[in-house]
Amino acid sequence: MNEIRTAPERLFWLDGIKGISCLCVFLHHFCLRYFPATFYGLEAASMANGVDLFLASSPLGLLINGNFFVHLYILISGYVISYQVIKLRSEDFGYFMFKRYLKLLIPLFVFFAFWFLLKVIENIGNPDLLKLSIKELYKGIYSLFLGILFKGDIYLGSHFWMMNYIFLGGVIVGILSSLCWKYDSKKVMFLSLFCGVLVFILFISQLSLHYATIFFGCALCLFNKNYDLKLNKYVSILLFIIGLIFAAFPTYLVPENFYRFFLLPFDKHNAFSKYFWHSFSAVLIIFSVSKSEWLKKIFSNGLFQEFSKISFWVFIFHGIIISIIDKLLFAKLESALNYLTLVLILFVVDLVLVILVTVLLYLFISPLCNKITKYLLSKVCVSKESN
């Protein structure tokens, strides 16, 4: 097998959006723990004098709408995989997909080691420690190698439910994109339309709305590749703003404000509309940024790029950090402070720890993960990575 081609130019603006998405997923899970009304919209669950109820259905609640940011992350994955695959040769495809599996698996293994250590520490003193440890080890290994990436298993963490859409959906997107190798631009456009039809079928049938989103990413990438559509700067910004508005469409409750006009006719209980509008808004946002040099520069520079470097580590570890700080501090401080002050302190501690831990992981563990990936690739594949 020949050397793999030089990697395509990196889409830094997509990296920046991905970094923001992971931080907002952290915000969502923090609010879900301490201000559940921001998600459920139930008056009985309000812990912030009605402000959390307002955010549950207001456009201002955008940054804590985790369902939207999951769709955005999935769509970005579909876009990036399609962008990378169409630059490959056919003989490199298996190598590329195996490398991608390892890129997801090895950081998850780091998380698993930390998770298992915590389980052992929690059960120290338990006479059945050995038996419990073996049971946890077995279930954890199964979840790590098969459950998370192939089935969306949540044994190691509830936020891993969407990882199979990222991995398996990425494999399907890669296969579809690989058809571009033998087709001219017109046929590629038909492939893009086919992805669009596939998305439509998945949405209408409600078979898999998250898989539909990753196909959206593929279709959008193929469209951008073959049609250099020019948009006025202000049109791009307008589309971006519209995307942000629909990104805040309520996830759990049936909206009673202006969003109620956008409930789909057959969906009176908002079981389906939220997925449609969150996917639609993700497409609008990525499309508008891809057509605006001004927006690209914003997401390609500075802090956004720093967040992108730690984004996957943030996604993996934020849930367990929130849980640990909650167990260590919440009960101890609950009687001494009012609720809002306590939650503010916990938020600062969680945010600092999430950033600190993930930066350390990026600086010291990511290089080790990359070395392990290259070693395994060199043993399994004939070719060695040139990038």
Protein backbone atom coordinates (compact mmCIF):
# COMPACT_ATOMS: atom_id res chain seq x y z
CA MET A 1 0.00 0.00 0.00
CA ASN A 2 1.27 3.46 -0.85
CA GLU A 3 1.67 6.29 1.59
CA ILE A 4 -1.51 8.10 2.45
CA ARG A 5 -1.81 11.49 0.83
CA THR A 6 -1.02 14.65 2.72
CA ALA A 7 -3.96 15.57 4.92
CA PRO A 8 -6.41 18.09 3.42
CA GLU A 9 -6.35 21.65 4.63
CA ARG A 10 -7.79 21.85 8.12
CA LEU A 11 -11.14 23.60 8.52
CA PHE A 12 -10.25 25.77 11.50
CA TRP A 13 -13.63 27.49 11.58
CA LEU A 14 -15.31 24.11 12.12
CA ASP A 15 -12.83 23.33 14.90
CA GLY A 16 -13.81 26.56 16.62
CA ILE A 17 -17.52 25.79 16.44
CA LYS A 18 -16.86 22.25 17.72
CA GLY A 19 -14.97 23.67 20.71
CA ILE A 20 -17.88 25.93 21.60
CA SER A 21 -20.31 23.02 21.21
CA CYS A 22 -18.49 20.87 23.77
CA LEU A 23 -18.33 23.69 26.32
CA CYS A 24 -22.05 24.30 25.86
CA VAL A 25 -22.77 20.61 26.43
CA PHE A 26 -20.95 21.07 29.77
CA LEU A 27 -23.18 24.09 30.53
CA HIS A 28 -26.26 22.04 29.66
CA HIS A 29 -25.36 19.18 31.99
CA PHE A 30 -24.44 21.56 34.81
CA CYS A 31 -27.81 23.32 34.49
CA LEU A 32 -29.60 19.99 34.19
CA ARG A 33 -28.12 19.01 37.57
CA TYR A 34 -28.76 22.24 39.48
CA PHE A 35 -31.48 24.02 37.47
CA PRO A 36 -33.57 21.20 35.95
CA ALA A 37 -36.33 23.63 35.01
CA THR A 38 -34.07 25.01 32.25
CA PHE A 39 -34.64 21.68 30.51
CA TYR A 40 -37.98 20.35 31.76
CA GLY A 41 -39.75 23.71 32.06
CA LEU A 42 -41.65 22.54 35.15
CA GLU A 43 -42.63 25.21 37.66
CA ALA A 44 -42.16 22.80 40.57
CA ALA A 45 -38.54 22.29 39.54
CA SER A 46 -37.68 26.00 39.41
CA MET A 47 -34.66 26.88 41.56
CA ALA A 48 -33.98 30.41 40.26
CA ASN A 49 -37.17 32.43 40.86
CA GLY A 50 -38.58 31.62 37.44
CA VAL A 51 -35.50 32.62 35.46
CA ASP A 52 -34.75 28.97 34.72
CA LEU A 53 -38.35 28.49 33.51
CA PHE A 54 -37.92 31.43 31.16
CA LEU A 55 -34.69 30.04 29.75
CA ALA A 56 -36.36 26.69 29.03
CA SER A 57 -38.23 28.15 26.06
CA SER A 58 -36.51 31.46 25.35
CA PRO A 59 -33.95 32.13 22.58
CA LEU A 60 -31.73 33.36 25.43
CA GLY A 61 -31.49 29.74 26.59
CA LEU A 62 -29.48 28.83 23.51
CA LEU A 63 -26.16 28.19 25.29
CA ILE A 64 -27.69 25.58 27.61
CA ASN A 65 -29.70 23.74 24.94
CA GLY A 66 -27.66 20.55 24.92
CA ASN A 67 -29.81 18.75 22.34
CA PHE A 68 -29.01 21.40 19.73
CA PHE A 69 -25.27 21.29 20.41
CA VAL A 70 -25.29 17.51 20.09
CA HIS A 71 -26.89 17.92 16.65
CA LEU A 72 -24.34 20.56 15.76
CA TYR A 73 -21.46 18.31 16.84
CA ILE A 74 -22.88 15.36 14.87
CA LEU A 75 -23.37 17.49 11.76
CA ILE A 76 -19.80 18.81 12.01
CA SER A 77 -18.57 15.21 12.21
CA GLY A 78 -20.43 14.31 9.01
CA TYR A 79 -19.07 17.38 7.25
CA VAL A 80 -15.45 16.80 8.31
CA ILE A 81 -15.47 13.06 7.51
CA SER A 82 -16.90 13.72 4.05
CA TYR A 83 -14.33 16.50 3.50
CA GLN A 84 -11.47 14.18 4.46
CA VAL A 85 -12.65 11.07 2.61
CA ILE A 86 -13.10 12.77 -0.76
CA LYS A 87 -9.39 13.66 -0.61
CA LEU A 88 -8.31 10.04 -0.13
CA ARG A 89 -7.51 7.22 -2.55
CA SER A 90 -9.59 4.07 -2.40
CA GLU A 91 -6.77 1.99 -0.91
CA ASP A 92 -6.48 4.41 2.01
CA PHE A 93 -10.11 4.16 3.13
CA GLY A 94 -9.76 1.22 5.53
CA TYR A 95 -6.67 2.80 7.08
CA PHE A 96 -8.55 6.07 7.55
CA MET A 97 -11.52 4.41 9.26
CA PHE A 98 -9.38 2.27 11.55
CA LYS A 99 -7.38 5.34 12.52
CA ARG A 100 -10.61 7.15 13.32
CA TYR A 101 -11.77 4.26 15.52
CA LEU A 102 -8.51 4.43 17.47
CA LYS A 103 -8.73 8.22 17.75
CA LEU A 104 -12.05 7.78 19.54
CA LEU A 105 -11.24 4.59 21.44
CA ILE A 106 -7.91 5.48 23.08
CA PRO A 107 -9.10 8.69 24.81
CA LEU A 108 -12.16 6.74 25.94
CA PHE A 109 -9.80 4.15 27.41
CA VAL A 110 -8.12 6.92 29.44
CA PHE A 111 -11.54 7.86 30.77
CA PHE A 112 -12.34 4.22 31.51
CA ALA A 113 -9.14 3.82 33.57
CA PHE A 114 -10.06 6.90 35.62
CA TRP A 115 -13.68 5.73 35.97
CA PHE A 116 -12.63 2.27 37.15
CA LEU A 117 -10.18 3.71 39.69
CA LEU A 118 -13.00 5.82 41.17
CA LYS A 119 -15.23 2.75 41.39
CA VAL A 120 -12.53 0.88 43.31
CA ILE A 121 -11.98 3.83 45.69
CA GLU A 122 -15.73 4.15 46.32
CA ASN A 123 -15.94 0.49 47.34
CA ILE A 124 -12.83 0.27 49.54
CA GLY A 125 -13.86 -1.47 52.74
CA ASN A 126 -16.57 -3.47 51.03
CA PRO A 127 -15.93 -7.22 51.61
CA ASP A 128 -17.15 -7.88 48.07
CA LEU A 129 -14.67 -5.38 46.58
CA LEU A 130 -12.92 -7.96 44.39
CA LYS A 131 -16.16 -9.39 43.05
CA LEU A 132 -17.58 -5.92 42.39
CA SER A 133 -14.34 -4.80 40.72
CA ILE A 134 -14.31 -7.78 38.35
CA LYS A 135 -17.97 -7.15 37.47
CA GLU A 136 -17.36 -3.45 36.86
CA LEU A 137 -14.21 -4.22 34.87
CA TYR A 138 -16.02 -6.66 32.59
CA LYS A 139 -18.98 -4.34 31.94
CA GLY A 140 -16.67 -1.36 31.47
CA ILE A 141 -14.45 -3.13 28.93
CA TYR A 142 -17.48 -4.30 26.95
CA SER A 143 -18.90 -0.77 26.95
CA LEU A 144 -15.53 0.69 25.97
CA PHE A 145 -14.74 -1.52 22.98
CA LEU A 146 -18.23 -2.24 21.67
CA GLY A 147 -21.03 -0.56 23.56
CA ILE A 148 -20.15 3.12 23.27
CA LEU A 149 -19.09 3.34 19.63
CA PHE A 150 -21.43 0.72 18.18
CA LYS A 151 -24.53 0.83 20.38
CA GLY A 152 -24.53 4.19 22.18
CA ASP A 153 -24.06 2.37 25.50
CA ILE A 154 -24.26 4.66 28.57
CA TYR A 155 -22.77 2.36 31.23
CA LEU A 156 -19.66 4.53 31.59
CA GLY A 157 -21.58 7.80 31.31
CA SER A 158 -25.00 8.99 30.18
CA HIS A 159 -23.50 11.52 27.77
CA PHE A 160 -21.98 8.73 25.64
CA TRP A 161 -25.39 7.90 24.14
CA MET A 162 -24.57 9.79 20.94
CA MET A 163 -21.13 8.31 20.25
CA ASN A 164 -22.45 5.58 17.98
CA TYR A 165 -23.95 8.24 15.71
CA ILE A 166 -20.51 9.85 15.52
CA PHE A 167 -18.71 6.57 14.76
CA LEU A 168 -21.14 4.35 12.84
CA GLY A 169 -22.74 7.34 11.17
CA GLY A 170 -19.24 8.45 10.20
CA VAL A 171 -18.54 5.07 8.60
CA ILE A 172 -21.70 5.34 6.48
CA VAL A 173 -20.89 8.94 5.55
CA GLY A 174 -17.37 7.83 4.62
CA ILE A 175 -18.72 5.12 2.34
CA LEU A 176 -21.10 7.56 0.64
CA SER A 177 -18.36 10.16 0.23
CA SER A 178 -15.97 7.57 -1.20
CA LEU A 179 -18.27 7.28 -4.24
CA CYS A 180 -16.90 10.69 -5.26
CA TRP A 181 -13.58 9.07 -6.26
CA LYS A 182 -15.04 7.71 -9.50
CA TYR A 183 -17.61 10.40 -10.27
CA ASP A 184 -17.43 13.76 -11.98
CA SER A 185 -18.86 16.89 -10.36
CA LYS A 186 -22.37 16.38 -11.75
CA LYS A 187 -22.57 12.86 -10.37
CA VAL A 188 -21.23 14.09 -7.05
CA MET A 189 -24.08 16.56 -6.97
CA PHE A 190 -26.51 13.69 -7.50
CA LEU A 191 -24.82 11.95 -4.57
CA SER A 192 -25.39 15.08 -2.50
CA LEU A 193 -29.05 15.05 -3.49
CA PHE A 194 -29.21 11.35 -2.60
CA CYS A 195 -27.93 12.22 0.89
CA GLY A 196 -30.64 14.88 1.06
CA VAL A 197 -33.32 12.34 0.09
CA LEU A 198 -31.92 9.93 2.69
CA VAL A 199 -32.17 12.67 5.31
CA PHE A 200 -35.77 13.37 4.28
CA ILE A 201 -36.74 9.70 4.54
CA LEU A 202 -35.12 9.36 7.97
CA PHE A 203 -36.89 12.47 9.21
CA ILE A 204 -40.33 11.61 7.87
CA SER A 205 -40.15 7.99 9.03
CA GLN A 206 -38.58 9.09 12.35
CA LEU A 207 -36.34 6.02 12.14
CA SER A 208 -33.17 7.81 13.22
CA LEU A 209 -33.15 11.56 13.46
CA HIS A 210 -29.55 11.75 14.64
CA TYR A 211 -28.27 9.68 11.73
CA ALA A 212 -30.18 12.06 9.50
CA THR A 213 -28.15 14.92 10.96
CA ILE A 214 -24.80 13.35 10.12
CA PHE A 215 -26.04 12.78 6.54
CA PHE A 216 -26.97 16.46 6.49
CA GLY A 217 -23.32 17.19 7.19
CA CYS A 218 -22.23 14.96 4.32
CA ALA A 219 -24.72 16.52 1.89
CA LEU A 220 -23.67 20.04 2.89
CA CYS A 221 -19.98 19.26 2.40
CA LEU A 222 -20.59 17.75 -1.05
CA PHE A 223 -22.73 20.73 -2.02
CA ASN A 224 -20.03 23.19 -0.94
CA LYS A 225 -17.39 21.18 -2.79
CA ASN A 226 -19.15 21.36 -6.13
CA TYR A 227 -21.02 24.67 -5.94
CA ASP A 228 -19.16 27.79 -4.96
CA LEU A 229 -22.36 29.60 -4.05
CA LYS A 230 -21.71 33.23 -3.17
CA LEU A 231 -23.76 34.88 -0.44
CA ASN A 232 -23.91 38.51 0.50
CA LYS A 233 -22.25 39.19 3.87
CA TYR A 234 -25.51 40.34 5.40
CA VAL A 235 -27.44 37.36 4.03
CA SER A 236 -24.92 35.02 5.69
CA ILE A 237 -25.27 36.85 9.00
CA LEU A 238 -29.08 36.77 8.71
CA LEU A 239 -29.05 33.00 8.11
CA PHE A 240 -26.68 32.60 11.06
CA ILE A 241 -29.04 34.54 13.35
CA ILE A 242 -32.07 32.55 12.16
CA GLY A 243 -30.09 29.38 12.91
CA LEU A 244 -29.37 30.61 16.44
CA ILE A 245 -33.06 31.38 17.04
CA PHE A 246 -34.20 27.90 16.02
CA ALA A 247 -31.28 26.36 17.93
CA ALA A 248 -33.06 27.43 21.13
CA PHE A 249 -36.26 25.55 20.23
CA PRO A 250 -37.36 23.85 23.49
CA THR A 251 -36.13 20.30 23.89
CA TYR A 252 -38.48 18.85 26.50
CA LEU A 253 -41.57 20.99 26.95
CA VAL A 254 -44.23 21.91 24.43
CA PRO A 255 -43.57 25.60 23.67
CA GLU A 256 -46.23 28.18 24.48
CA ASN A 257 -44.43 31.25 23.11
CA PHE A 258 -43.79 32.05 19.42
CA TYR A 259 -42.07 28.66 19.00
CA ARG A 260 -45.49 27.03 19.16
CA PHE A 261 -46.11 28.19 15.59
CA PHE A 262 -43.24 25.95 14.48
CA LEU A 263 -44.51 22.71 15.99
CA LEU A 264 -44.95 20.35 13.08
CA PRO A 265 -48.66 19.64 12.36
CA PHE A 266 -48.49 15.95 13.31
CA ASP A 267 -46.37 16.56 16.43
CA LYS A 268 -48.55 17.98 19.20
CA HIS A 269 -46.25 16.84 22.04
CA ASN A 270 -42.90 18.02 20.63
CA ALA A 271 -41.56 14.49 20.29
CA PHE A 272 -40.22 15.20 16.82
CA SER A 273 -40.20 18.96 16.15
CA LYS A 274 -37.23 19.62 18.43
CA TYR A 275 -35.02 17.23 16.44
CA PHE A 276 -36.10 18.73 13.15
CA TRP A 277 -35.48 22.34 14.17
CA HIS A 278 -32.20 21.60 15.98
CA SER A 279 -30.88 19.78 12.92
CA PHE A 280 -32.21 22.50 10.63
CA SER A 281 -30.56 25.22 12.73
CA ALA A 282 -27.25 23.33 12.75
CA VAL A 283 -27.35 23.20 8.93
CA LEU A 284 -28.13 26.93 8.72
CA ILE A 285 -25.30 27.83 11.07
CA ILE A 286 -22.66 25.68 9.35
CA PHE A 287 -23.84 26.73 5.88
CA SER A 288 -23.86 30.44 6.73
CA VAL A 289 -20.40 30.31 8.30
CA SER A 290 -19.01 28.31 5.35
CA LYS A 291 -20.16 31.12 3.04
CA SER A 292 -18.90 34.04 5.11
CA GLU A 293 -15.19 34.85 5.36
CA TRP A 294 -16.01 37.22 8.20
CA LEU A 295 -17.69 34.50 10.28
CA LYS A 296 -14.94 32.04 9.40
CA LYS A 297 -12.31 34.41 10.76
CA ILE A 298 -14.22 34.78 14.02
CA PHE A 299 -14.36 31.03 14.68
CA SER A 300 -10.83 30.40 13.35
CA ASN A 301 -8.99 32.68 15.73
CA GLY A 302 -7.93 32.96 19.33
CA LEU A 303 -9.86 31.39 22.16
CA PHE A 304 -12.14 29.36 19.89
CA GLN A 305 -9.15 27.41 18.57
CA GLU A 306 -7.86 26.79 22.09
CA PHE A 307 -11.25 25.35 23.05
CA SER A 308 -11.19 23.15 19.95
CA LYS A 309 -7.94 21.52 21.07
CA ILE A 310 -9.50 20.28 24.31
CA SER A 311 -13.05 19.77 22.99
CA PHE A 312 -13.10 15.97 22.95
CA TRP A 313 -11.50 15.75 26.38
CA VAL A 314 -14.12 18.22 27.66
CA PHE A 315 -16.88 16.07 26.22
CA ILE A 316 -15.49 12.88 27.78
CA PHE A 317 -14.64 14.17 31.26
CA HIS A 318 -17.05 16.99 32.08
CA GLY A 319 -19.82 14.73 33.40
CA ILE A 320 -17.65 12.87 35.88
CA ILE A 321 -16.07 16.12 37.11
CA ILE A 322 -19.51 17.63 37.77
CA SER A 323 -20.47 14.46 39.67
CA ILE A 324 -17.29 14.40 41.80
CA ILE A 325 -17.53 18.08 42.82
CA ASP A 326 -21.21 17.63 43.62
CA LYS A 327 -20.44 14.73 45.97
CA LEU A 328 -17.52 16.51 47.62
CA LEU A 329 -18.96 20.00 48.10
CA PHE A 330 -22.72 20.20 47.71
CA ALA A 331 -23.76 18.47 50.95
CA LYS A 332 -21.02 20.23 52.96
CA LEU A 333 -21.95 23.73 51.83
CA GLU A 334 -25.71 23.36 51.39
CA SER A 335 -26.57 24.37 54.97
CA ALA A 336 -24.13 27.28 55.08
CA LEU A 337 -25.03 29.07 51.83
CA ASN A 338 -28.19 29.93 49.93
CA TYR A 339 -28.79 27.81 46.87
CA LEU A 340 -27.87 30.32 44.17
CA THR A 341 -24.61 31.30 45.87
CA LEU A 342 -23.70 27.65 46.33
CA VAL A 343 -24.40 26.80 42.69
CA LEU A 344 -22.36 29.79 41.53
CA ILE A 345 -19.40 28.53 43.57
CA LEU A 346 -19.85 25.02 42.21
CA PHE A 347 -20.02 26.36 38.67
CA VAL A 348 -16.74 28.24 39.04
CA VAL A 349 -15.05 25.19 40.58
CA ASP A 350 -16.44 22.86 37.88
CA LEU A 351 -15.48 25.18 35.03
CA VAL A 352 -11.94 25.71 36.33
CA LEU A 353 -11.45 21.99 36.90
CA VAL A 354 -12.90 21.00 33.52
CA ILE A 355 -10.57 23.40 31.72
CA LEU A 356 -7.55 22.55 33.91
CA VAL A 357 -7.99 18.78 33.67
CA THR A 358 -8.66 18.79 29.94
CA VAL A 359 -5.73 21.12 29.20
CA LEU A 360 -3.45 18.76 31.13
CA LEU A 361 -4.89 15.81 29.25
CA TYR A 362 -4.32 17.60 25.96
CA LEU A 363 -0.73 18.54 26.83
CA PHE A 364 0.43 15.26 28.36
CA ILE A 365 -1.99 12.47 27.41
CA SER A 366 -2.89 13.43 23.84
CA PRO A 367 0.72 12.99 22.59
CA LEU A 368 0.79 9.55 24.23
CA CYS A 369 -2.56 8.65 22.61
CA ASN A 370 -1.19 9.73 19.23
CA LYS A 371 1.93 7.57 19.70
CA ILE A 372 -0.20 4.55 20.61
CA THR A 373 -2.42 5.19 17.58
CA LYS A 374 0.58 5.35 15.24
CA TYR A 375 2.05 2.20 16.78
CA LEU A 376 -1.16 0.21 16.37
CA LEU A 377 -1.63 1.49 12.84
CA SER A 378 1.91 0.46 11.93
CA LYS A 379 1.24 -3.05 13.25
CA VAL A 380 -2.16 -3.52 11.63
CA CYS A 381 -1.65 -1.62 8.38
CA VAL A 382 1.16 -1.90 5.87
CA SER A 383 1.44 1.83 5.37
CA LYS A 384 2.49 4.31 8.00
CA GLU A 385 0.83 7.58 8.68
CA SER A 386 2.45 10.47 6.85
CA ASN A 387 0.65 13.11 8.85
